């Protein structure tokens, strides 16, 4: 049986689902997120003990295809596939580290810059912890 409560040894996973600003081409948004933003964000994240950071780039054409599959092939007509542009996932040891990061004046500057290309009016946040069953090398951990 697996516990749903995080233990002191487990990392907190914090995800932010972001929409690009209307009128910004997808390719331009992806370039900014993957090439412009990281060199400025990484030192700040390391300063505040971030353990891991990943970006999941959402391909717009994949969203519609998955919606079609869910509805027509998997009989899940009420399921949704949100049209986020990117999902940023952060792993950290404590909520104090997240608070320290997001209240740092340098973070405010990064966020101001990000709002030029992303839409801060809409989004989604998820928080929890991961339980790994198969890792990147294909090893089963449970």
N, C-alpha and C. Protein backbone atom coordinates (compact mmCIF):
# COMPACT_ATOMS: atom_id res chain seq x y z
N UNK A 1 0.85 -1.17 0.00
CA UNK A 1 0.00 0.00 0.00
C UNK A 1 0.89 1.23 0.00
N UNK A 2 0.49 2.25 -0.74
CA UNK A 2 1.27 3.47 -0.87
C UNK A 2 0.60 4.59 -0.11
N UNK A 3 1.41 5.33 0.61
CA UNK A 3 0.89 6.46 1.37
C UNK A 3 0.69 7.65 0.44
N UNK A 4 -0.35 8.40 0.69
CA UNK A 4 -0.59 9.61 -0.09
C UNK A 4 -0.04 10.85 0.60
N UNK A 5 0.55 10.69 1.76
CA UNK A 5 1.13 11.81 2.49
C UNK A 5 2.63 11.88 2.22
N UNK A 6 3.15 13.09 2.01
CA UNK A 6 4.58 13.26 1.80
C UNK A 6 5.33 12.98 3.09
N UNK A 7 6.48 12.35 2.97
CA UNK A 7 7.33 12.11 4.13
C UNK A 7 8.46 13.13 4.10
N UNK A 8 9.20 13.27 5.20
CA UNK A 8 10.30 14.24 5.22
C UNK A 8 11.34 14.01 4.12
N UNK A 9 11.48 12.79 3.64
CA UNK A 9 12.46 12.49 2.59
C UNK A 9 11.93 12.73 1.18
N UNK A 10 10.63 12.94 1.03
CA UNK A 10 10.06 13.15 -0.29
C UNK A 10 10.13 14.62 -0.67
N UNK A 11 10.29 14.85 -1.94
CA UNK A 11 10.30 16.22 -2.45
C UNK A 11 8.88 16.68 -2.73
N UNK A 12 8.66 17.95 -2.56
CA UNK A 12 7.39 18.57 -2.94
C UNK A 12 7.47 18.87 -4.43
N UNK A 13 6.43 18.53 -5.16
CA UNK A 13 6.36 18.86 -6.59
C UNK A 13 5.31 19.94 -6.76
N UNK A 14 5.73 21.02 -7.38
CA UNK A 14 4.89 22.19 -7.59
C UNK A 14 4.84 22.43 -9.09
N UNK A 15 3.64 22.45 -9.66
CA UNK A 15 3.50 22.64 -11.10
C UNK A 15 2.69 23.89 -11.40
N UNK A 16 3.14 24.62 -12.41
CA UNK A 16 2.43 25.80 -12.88
C UNK A 16 2.13 25.59 -14.35
N UNK A 17 0.85 25.66 -14.69
CA UNK A 17 0.40 25.50 -16.08
C UNK A 17 0.10 26.89 -16.62
N UNK A 18 0.78 27.25 -17.71
CA UNK A 18 0.77 28.62 -18.20
C UNK A 18 0.25 28.68 -19.63
N UNK A 19 -0.49 29.75 -19.92
CA UNK A 19 -0.93 30.05 -21.27
C UNK A 19 -0.03 31.14 -21.85
N UNK A 20 0.28 31.03 -23.12
CA UNK A 20 1.01 32.12 -23.76
C UNK A 20 0.03 33.26 -24.01
N UNK A 21 0.56 34.44 -24.16
CA UNK A 21 -0.28 35.60 -24.44
C UNK A 21 -0.81 35.48 -25.87
N UNK A 22 -2.07 35.87 -26.09
CA UNK A 22 -2.65 35.87 -27.43
C UNK A 22 -1.78 36.72 -28.35
N UNK A 23 -1.61 36.26 -29.57
CA UNK A 23 -0.83 36.99 -30.55
C UNK A 23 0.64 36.63 -30.56
N UNK A 24 1.10 35.90 -29.56
CA UNK A 24 2.50 35.46 -29.52
C UNK A 24 2.57 34.11 -30.24
N UNK A 25 3.38 33.99 -31.28
CA UNK A 25 3.49 32.69 -31.96
C UNK A 25 4.04 31.62 -31.01
N UNK A 26 3.54 30.40 -31.17
CA UNK A 26 3.95 29.29 -30.32
C UNK A 26 5.47 29.12 -30.30
N UNK A 27 6.09 29.18 -31.48
CA UNK A 27 7.54 28.98 -31.58
C UNK A 27 8.29 30.05 -30.80
N UNK A 28 7.82 31.29 -30.86
CA UNK A 28 8.46 32.39 -30.13
C UNK A 28 8.33 32.17 -28.62
N UNK A 29 7.16 31.72 -28.19
CA UNK A 29 6.93 31.45 -26.77
C UNK A 29 7.86 30.33 -26.28
N UNK A 30 7.95 29.26 -27.04
CA UNK A 30 8.80 28.12 -26.66
C UNK A 30 10.26 28.56 -26.61
N UNK A 31 10.70 29.34 -27.58
CA UNK A 31 12.09 29.81 -27.58
C UNK A 31 12.36 30.64 -26.33
N UNK A 32 11.44 31.52 -25.99
CA UNK A 32 11.64 32.35 -24.79
C UNK A 32 11.71 31.47 -23.54
N UNK A 33 10.80 30.51 -23.43
CA UNK A 33 10.75 29.65 -22.24
C UNK A 33 11.97 28.75 -22.12
N UNK A 34 12.51 28.30 -23.23
CA UNK A 34 13.58 27.30 -23.18
C UNK A 34 14.98 27.87 -23.39
N UNK A 35 15.08 29.09 -23.94
CA UNK A 35 16.40 29.66 -24.21
C UNK A 35 16.66 30.99 -23.50
N UNK A 36 15.66 31.82 -23.40
CA UNK A 36 15.85 33.15 -22.81
C UNK A 36 15.67 33.11 -21.29
N UNK A 37 14.61 32.51 -20.84
CA UNK A 37 14.26 32.50 -19.41
C UNK A 37 15.21 31.66 -18.54
N UNK A 38 15.56 30.44 -18.93
CA UNK A 38 16.37 29.59 -18.05
C UNK A 38 17.70 30.19 -17.56
N UNK A 39 18.50 30.82 -18.42
CA UNK A 39 19.77 31.36 -17.90
C UNK A 39 19.59 32.40 -16.78
N UNK A 40 18.47 33.08 -16.78
CA UNK A 40 18.19 34.05 -15.72
C UNK A 40 17.55 33.39 -14.51
N UNK A 41 16.74 32.37 -14.74
CA UNK A 41 16.00 31.74 -13.65
C UNK A 41 16.83 30.72 -12.87
N UNK A 42 17.69 29.99 -13.54
CA UNK A 42 18.43 28.91 -12.88
C UNK A 42 19.26 29.39 -11.69
N UNK A 43 20.06 30.44 -11.82
CA UNK A 43 20.83 30.87 -10.63
C UNK A 43 19.94 31.25 -9.45
N UNK A 44 18.82 31.86 -9.73
CA UNK A 44 17.89 32.24 -8.67
C UNK A 44 17.27 31.01 -8.02
N UNK A 45 16.91 30.03 -8.84
CA UNK A 45 16.34 28.80 -8.30
C UNK A 45 17.35 28.04 -7.46
N UNK A 46 18.59 28.00 -7.91
CA UNK A 46 19.65 27.34 -7.13
C UNK A 46 19.87 28.07 -5.81
N UNK A 47 19.82 29.39 -5.85
CA UNK A 47 19.99 30.20 -4.64
C UNK A 47 18.97 29.81 -3.58
N UNK A 48 17.77 29.41 -4.02
CA UNK A 48 16.69 29.08 -3.09
C UNK A 48 16.42 27.57 -3.01
N UNK A 49 17.47 26.79 -3.27
CA UNK A 49 17.46 25.34 -3.01
C UNK A 49 16.53 24.51 -3.89
N UNK A 50 16.18 25.00 -5.07
CA UNK A 50 15.37 24.21 -5.98
C UNK A 50 16.16 22.95 -6.34
N UNK A 51 15.51 21.79 -6.26
CA UNK A 51 16.18 20.52 -6.51
C UNK A 51 16.15 20.17 -8.00
N UNK A 52 15.01 20.42 -8.64
CA UNK A 52 14.84 20.06 -10.05
C UNK A 52 13.80 20.99 -10.66
N UNK A 53 13.98 21.28 -11.95
CA UNK A 53 13.02 22.11 -12.68
C UNK A 53 12.92 21.55 -14.09
N UNK A 54 11.70 21.32 -14.54
CA UNK A 54 11.48 20.85 -15.91
C UNK A 54 10.38 21.68 -16.55
N UNK A 55 10.38 21.66 -17.88
CA UNK A 55 9.31 22.30 -18.64
C UNK A 55 8.70 21.26 -19.57
N UNK A 56 7.39 21.20 -19.60
CA UNK A 56 6.68 20.35 -20.55
C UNK A 56 6.06 21.28 -21.58
N UNK A 57 6.54 21.19 -22.81
CA UNK A 57 6.04 22.03 -23.89
C UNK A 57 4.80 21.36 -24.47
N UNK A 58 3.71 22.09 -24.54
CA UNK A 58 2.45 21.55 -25.06
C UNK A 58 2.34 21.92 -26.54
N UNK A 59 2.22 20.92 -27.39
CA UNK A 59 2.05 21.17 -28.82
C UNK A 59 0.55 21.35 -29.10
N UNK A 60 0.16 22.50 -29.65
CA UNK A 60 -1.27 22.76 -29.88
C UNK A 60 -1.99 21.68 -30.68
N UNK A 61 -1.34 21.13 -31.70
CA UNK A 61 -2.01 20.11 -32.50
C UNK A 61 -2.23 18.81 -31.72
N UNK A 62 -1.38 18.54 -30.75
CA UNK A 62 -1.55 17.34 -29.92
C UNK A 62 -2.77 17.45 -29.02
N UNK A 63 -3.09 18.66 -28.59
CA UNK A 63 -4.25 18.88 -27.72
C UNK A 63 -5.53 18.44 -28.42
N UNK A 64 -5.73 18.90 -29.63
CA UNK A 64 -6.95 18.56 -30.36
C UNK A 64 -7.01 17.07 -30.66
N UNK A 65 -5.88 16.48 -31.01
CA UNK A 65 -5.84 15.05 -31.27
C UNK A 65 -6.19 14.23 -30.04
N UNK A 66 -5.69 14.64 -28.90
CA UNK A 66 -6.00 13.93 -27.66
C UNK A 66 -7.47 14.09 -27.29
N UNK A 67 -8.01 15.28 -27.49
CA UNK A 67 -9.45 15.48 -27.23
C UNK A 67 -10.28 14.51 -28.07
N UNK A 68 -9.93 14.40 -29.33
CA UNK A 68 -10.66 13.50 -30.24
C UNK A 68 -10.55 12.05 -29.75
N UNK A 69 -9.35 11.65 -29.36
CA UNK A 69 -9.14 10.29 -28.88
C UNK A 69 -9.94 10.01 -27.61
N UNK A 70 -9.90 10.94 -26.67
CA UNK A 70 -10.66 10.76 -25.42
C UNK A 70 -12.15 10.59 -25.69
N UNK A 71 -12.68 11.44 -26.54
CA UNK A 71 -14.12 11.43 -26.80
C UNK A 71 -14.54 10.23 -27.65
N UNK A 72 -13.83 9.99 -28.73
CA UNK A 72 -14.28 9.03 -29.72
C UNK A 72 -13.72 7.62 -29.56
N UNK A 73 -12.54 7.48 -28.99
CA UNK A 73 -11.93 6.17 -28.92
C UNK A 73 -11.85 5.62 -27.49
N UNK A 74 -11.86 6.51 -26.52
CA UNK A 74 -11.73 6.06 -25.13
C UNK A 74 -13.03 6.23 -24.34
N UNK A 75 -14.06 6.76 -25.00
CA UNK A 75 -15.37 6.96 -24.37
C UNK A 75 -15.26 7.78 -23.07
N UNK A 76 -14.55 8.88 -23.15
CA UNK A 76 -14.40 9.80 -22.02
C UNK A 76 -14.85 11.20 -22.46
N UNK A 77 -16.12 11.36 -22.81
CA UNK A 77 -16.58 12.63 -23.37
C UNK A 77 -16.52 13.81 -22.40
N UNK A 78 -16.49 13.57 -21.11
CA UNK A 78 -16.47 14.69 -20.15
C UNK A 78 -15.06 15.06 -19.70
N UNK A 79 -14.06 14.31 -20.13
CA UNK A 79 -12.69 14.65 -19.78
C UNK A 79 -12.25 15.85 -20.60
N UNK A 80 -11.33 16.62 -20.06
CA UNK A 80 -10.85 17.81 -20.75
C UNK A 80 -9.35 17.73 -20.99
N UNK A 81 -8.90 18.43 -21.99
CA UNK A 81 -7.48 18.60 -22.27
C UNK A 81 -7.26 20.11 -22.37
N UNK A 82 -6.78 20.71 -21.30
CA UNK A 82 -6.59 22.17 -21.30
C UNK A 82 -5.57 22.60 -22.35
N UNK A 83 -5.72 23.81 -22.80
CA UNK A 83 -4.84 24.35 -23.84
C UNK A 83 -3.69 25.17 -23.24
N UNK A 84 -3.03 24.63 -22.23
CA UNK A 84 -1.86 25.32 -21.70
C UNK A 84 -0.78 25.34 -22.76
N UNK A 85 0.12 26.29 -22.65
CA UNK A 85 1.24 26.36 -23.57
C UNK A 85 2.47 25.65 -23.01
N UNK A 86 2.59 25.66 -21.68
CA UNK A 86 3.73 25.04 -21.03
C UNK A 86 3.34 24.66 -19.60
N UNK A 87 3.95 23.62 -19.10
CA UNK A 87 3.81 23.25 -17.69
C UNK A 87 5.21 23.26 -17.09
N UNK A 88 5.40 24.10 -16.11
CA UNK A 88 6.69 24.15 -15.41
C UNK A 88 6.54 23.37 -14.11
N UNK A 89 7.45 22.43 -13.92
CA UNK A 89 7.43 21.57 -12.72
C UNK A 89 8.69 21.84 -11.90
N UNK A 90 8.47 22.04 -10.61
CA UNK A 90 9.56 22.34 -9.69
C UNK A 90 9.53 21.32 -8.56
N UNK A 91 10.70 20.83 -8.17
CA UNK A 91 10.81 19.93 -7.03
C UNK A 91 11.62 20.67 -5.96
N UNK A 92 11.10 20.68 -4.75
CA UNK A 92 11.77 21.38 -3.66
C UNK A 92 11.60 20.62 -2.37
N UNK A 93 12.42 20.97 -1.41
CA UNK A 93 12.41 20.26 -0.13
C UNK A 93 11.39 20.81 0.85
N UNK A 94 11.06 22.09 0.72
CA UNK A 94 10.12 22.67 1.68
C UNK A 94 9.35 23.83 1.04
N UNK A 95 8.21 24.11 1.61
CA UNK A 95 7.43 25.26 1.17
C UNK A 95 8.16 26.56 1.51
N UNK A 96 9.01 26.53 2.54
CA UNK A 96 9.80 27.72 2.87
C UNK A 96 10.72 28.10 1.72
N UNK A 97 11.28 27.09 1.03
CA UNK A 97 12.13 27.37 -0.12
C UNK A 97 11.32 28.02 -1.24
N UNK A 98 10.11 27.54 -1.46
CA UNK A 98 9.25 28.13 -2.49
C UNK A 98 8.90 29.57 -2.12
N UNK A 99 8.57 29.80 -0.87
CA UNK A 99 8.25 31.15 -0.41
C UNK A 99 9.45 32.08 -0.58
N UNK A 100 10.63 31.59 -0.22
CA UNK A 100 11.84 32.41 -0.36
C UNK A 100 12.08 32.78 -1.82
N UNK A 101 11.87 31.82 -2.72
CA UNK A 101 12.05 32.08 -4.14
C UNK A 101 11.05 33.12 -4.64
N UNK A 102 9.79 32.89 -4.36
CA UNK A 102 8.73 33.74 -4.94
C UNK A 102 8.59 35.10 -4.27
N UNK A 103 9.31 35.33 -3.18
CA UNK A 103 9.30 36.66 -2.56
C UNK A 103 10.62 37.39 -2.78
N UNK A 104 11.53 36.76 -3.50
CA UNK A 104 12.82 37.39 -3.82
C UNK A 104 12.58 38.51 -4.84
N UNK A 105 13.13 39.70 -4.64
CA UNK A 105 12.95 40.79 -5.62
C UNK A 105 13.39 40.41 -7.04
N UNK A 106 14.41 39.56 -7.16
CA UNK A 106 14.82 39.12 -8.50
C UNK A 106 13.72 38.30 -9.18
N UNK A 107 12.96 37.55 -8.39
CA UNK A 107 11.85 36.76 -8.93
C UNK A 107 10.77 37.69 -9.48
N UNK A 108 10.49 38.78 -8.75
CA UNK A 108 9.50 39.75 -9.23
C UNK A 108 9.91 40.31 -10.59
N UNK A 109 11.19 40.56 -10.77
CA UNK A 109 11.68 41.07 -12.06
C UNK A 109 11.50 40.03 -13.16
N UNK A 110 11.81 38.78 -12.86
CA UNK A 110 11.60 37.71 -13.84
C UNK A 110 10.12 37.59 -14.21
N UNK A 111 9.26 37.68 -13.22
CA UNK A 111 7.82 37.57 -13.47
C UNK A 111 7.30 38.73 -14.31
N UNK A 112 7.81 39.91 -14.09
CA UNK A 112 7.41 41.06 -14.92
C UNK A 112 7.77 40.80 -16.38
N UNK A 113 8.96 40.28 -16.60
CA UNK A 113 9.39 39.96 -17.95
C UNK A 113 8.53 38.84 -18.55
N UNK A 114 8.22 37.83 -17.75
CA UNK A 114 7.41 36.70 -18.23
C UNK A 114 6.02 37.14 -18.64
N UNK A 115 5.48 38.15 -17.98
CA UNK A 115 4.12 38.60 -18.29
C UNK A 115 4.03 39.29 -19.65
N UNK A 116 5.16 39.61 -20.25
CA UNK A 116 5.15 40.19 -21.59
C UNK A 116 4.81 39.13 -22.64
N UNK A 117 5.05 37.87 -22.31
CA UNK A 117 4.85 36.80 -23.28
C UNK A 117 3.82 35.77 -22.83
N UNK A 118 3.54 35.73 -21.53
CA UNK A 118 2.55 34.78 -21.01
C UNK A 118 1.31 35.53 -20.52
N UNK A 119 0.23 34.79 -20.35
CA UNK A 119 -1.03 35.39 -19.91
C UNK A 119 -1.23 35.10 -18.43
N UNK A 120 -1.00 36.10 -17.57
CA UNK A 120 -1.10 35.86 -16.12
C UNK A 120 -2.54 35.79 -15.60
N UNK A 121 -3.52 36.04 -16.46
CA UNK A 121 -4.92 36.02 -16.02
C UNK A 121 -5.46 34.60 -15.86
N UNK A 122 -4.86 33.65 -16.58
CA UNK A 122 -5.34 32.28 -16.55
C UNK A 122 -4.18 31.35 -16.25
N UNK A 123 -4.46 30.27 -15.58
CA UNK A 123 -3.43 29.29 -15.29
C UNK A 123 -3.95 28.25 -14.33
N UNK A 124 -3.05 27.43 -13.90
CA UNK A 124 -3.42 26.34 -13.00
C UNK A 124 -2.18 25.99 -12.19
N UNK A 125 -2.37 25.69 -10.93
CA UNK A 125 -1.28 25.28 -10.05
C UNK A 125 -1.66 23.95 -9.41
N UNK A 126 -0.69 23.05 -9.34
CA UNK A 126 -0.88 21.78 -8.64
C UNK A 126 0.31 21.57 -7.71
N UNK A 127 0.05 20.97 -6.56
CA UNK A 127 1.12 20.70 -5.61
C UNK A 127 0.90 19.34 -4.98
N UNK A 128 1.97 18.62 -4.77
CA UNK A 128 1.89 17.30 -4.15
C UNK A 128 3.27 16.68 -4.10
N UNK A 129 3.32 15.37 -4.16
CA UNK A 129 4.61 14.68 -4.22
C UNK A 129 4.46 13.51 -5.19
N UNK A 130 5.58 13.11 -5.75
CA UNK A 130 5.57 12.00 -6.70
C UNK A 130 5.84 10.69 -6.01
N UNK A 131 5.26 9.66 -6.54
CA UNK A 131 5.61 8.29 -6.18
C UNK A 131 6.06 7.65 -7.48
N UNK A 132 7.32 7.29 -7.58
CA UNK A 132 7.88 6.75 -8.81
C UNK A 132 7.72 5.23 -8.82
N UNK A 133 7.19 4.73 -9.91
CA UNK A 133 7.05 3.29 -10.09
C UNK A 133 8.05 2.76 -11.12
N UNK A 134 8.33 3.54 -12.16
CA UNK A 134 9.35 3.21 -13.14
C UNK A 134 10.15 4.48 -13.38
N UNK A 135 11.48 4.40 -13.28
CA UNK A 135 12.29 5.60 -13.48
C UNK A 135 12.79 5.68 -14.93
N UNK A 136 13.63 6.69 -15.20
CA UNK A 136 14.11 6.95 -16.56
C UNK A 136 14.87 5.76 -17.16
N UNK A 137 15.50 4.95 -16.33
CA UNK A 137 16.23 3.79 -16.82
C UNK A 137 15.34 2.55 -16.92
N UNK A 138 14.08 2.70 -16.63
CA UNK A 138 13.16 1.58 -16.71
C UNK A 138 13.12 0.71 -15.46
N UNK A 139 13.81 1.15 -14.41
CA UNK A 139 13.82 0.37 -13.17
C UNK A 139 12.51 0.57 -12.42
N UNK A 140 12.00 -0.49 -11.87
CA UNK A 140 10.82 -0.41 -11.01
C UNK A 140 11.30 -0.12 -9.60
N UNK A 141 10.71 0.88 -8.98
CA UNK A 141 11.15 1.26 -7.64
C UNK A 141 10.24 0.73 -6.55
N UNK A 142 9.15 0.12 -6.88
CA UNK A 142 8.23 -0.42 -5.87
C UNK A 142 8.07 -1.90 -6.08
